[in-house]
C-alpha cells in the first residue's frame, strides 16, 4: 500500500499538470501535494509506533 501511495504521489507531483490538467503557474498545487504527503507519512509513522 505504501508503494502505491508513493507511486501516486510521484506521478501527480511530476506529471499532474498533464494528467489532471490543472493550471498551476506558481507551484501551489505541488506544494499542497508535498505537504499532504509529508503529513501522511508523519501520521502513518506515529500511528504504527
C-alpha atoms as a PDB file:
ATOM      1  CA  UNK A   1       0.000   0.000   0.000  1.00  0.00           C
ATOM      2  CA  UNK A   2       2.848   2.377   0.788  1.00  0.00           C
ATOM      3  CA  UNK A   3       4.406   1.664  -2.597  1.00  0.00           C
ATOM      4  CA  UNK A   4       1.161   2.506  -4.363  1.00  0.00           C
ATOM      5  CA  UNK A   5       0.838   5.748  -2.384  1.00  0.00           C
ATOM      6  CA  UNK A   6       4.425   6.695  -3.206  1.00  0.00           C
ATOM      7  CA  UNK A   7       3.916   5.957  -6.908  1.00  0.00           C
ATOM      8  CA  UNK A   8       0.727   8.038  -6.986  1.00  0.00           C
ATOM      9  CA  UNK A   9       2.472  10.933  -5.233  1.00  0.00           C
ATOM     10  CA  UNK A  10       5.431  10.904  -7.609  1.00  0.00           C
ATOM     11  CA  UNK A  11       3.140  10.639 -10.618  1.00  0.00           C
ATOM     12  CA  UNK A  12       0.935  13.531  -9.534  1.00  0.00           C
ATOM     13  CA  UNK A  13       3.862  15.661  -8.395  1.00  0.00           C
ATOM     14  CA  UNK A  14       5.833  15.191 -11.611  1.00  0.00           C
ATOM     15  CA  UNK A  15       3.092  14.850 -14.240  1.00  0.00           C
ATOM     16  CA  UNK A  16      -0.032  16.241 -12.570  1.00  0.00           C
ATOM     17  CA  UNK A  17      -0.492  19.110 -14.975  1.00  0.00           C
ATOM     18  CA  UNK A  18      -0.511  16.766 -17.954  1.00  0.00           C
ATOM     19  CA  UNK A  19      -2.633  14.049 -16.303  1.00  0.00           C
ATOM     20  CA  UNK A  20      -5.237  16.122 -14.454  1.00  0.00           C
ATOM     21  CA  UNK A  21      -4.915  19.355 -16.412  1.00  0.00           C
ATOM     22  CA  UNK A  22      -4.806  21.862 -13.572  1.00  0.00           C
ATOM     23  CA  UNK A  23      -3.313  25.341 -14.063  1.00  0.00           C
ATOM     24  CA  UNK A  24      -0.564  25.976 -11.509  1.00  0.00           C
ATOM     25  CA  UNK A  25       1.827  28.735 -12.584  1.00  0.00           C
ATOM     26  CA  UNK A  26       3.104  29.425  -9.037  1.00  0.00           C
ATOM     27  CA  UNK A  27       3.519  25.800  -7.896  1.00  0.00           C
ATOM     28  CA  UNK A  28       0.916  25.921  -5.132  1.00  0.00           C
ATOM     29  CA  UNK A  29      -0.704  22.634  -6.102  1.00  0.00           C
ATOM     30  CA  UNK A  30       2.678  20.890  -5.960  1.00  0.00           C
ATOM     31  CA  UNK A  31       3.306  22.465  -2.555  1.00  0.00           C
ATOM     32  CA  UNK A  32      -0.070  21.178  -1.336  1.00  0.00           C
ATOM     33  CA  UNK A  33       0.728  17.688  -2.655  1.00  0.00           C
ATOM     34  CA  UNK A  34       4.096  17.713  -0.892  1.00  0.00           C
ATOM     35  CA  UNK A  35       2.573  18.904   2.390  1.00  0.00           C
ATOM     36  CA  UNK A  36      -0.196  16.303   2.209  1.00  0.00           C
ATOM     37  CA  UNK A  37       2.317  13.536   1.554  1.00  0.00           C
ATOM     38  CA  UNK A  38       4.590  14.699   4.383  1.00  0.00           C
ATOM     39  CA  UNK A  39       1.711  14.885   6.870  1.00  0.00           C
ATOM     40  CA  UNK A  40       0.507  11.444   5.773  1.00  0.00           C
ATOM     41  CA  UNK A  41       3.940   9.948   6.336  1.00  0.00           C
ATOM     42  CA  UNK A  42       4.191  11.625   9.747  1.00  0.00           C
ATOM     43  CA  UNK A  43       0.760  10.422  10.864  1.00  0.00           C
ATOM     44  CA  UNK A  44       1.393   6.940   9.482  1.00  0.00           C
ATOM     45  CA  UNK A  45       4.691   6.714  11.320  1.00  0.00           C
ATOM     46  CA  UNK A  46       3.183   7.903  14.590  1.00  0.00           C
ATOM     47  CA  UNK A  47       0.220   5.525  14.285  1.00  0.00           C
ATOM     48  CA  UNK A  48       2.452   2.487  13.787  1.00  0.00           C
ATOM     49  CA  UNK A  49       4.780   3.385  16.662  1.00  0.00           C
END
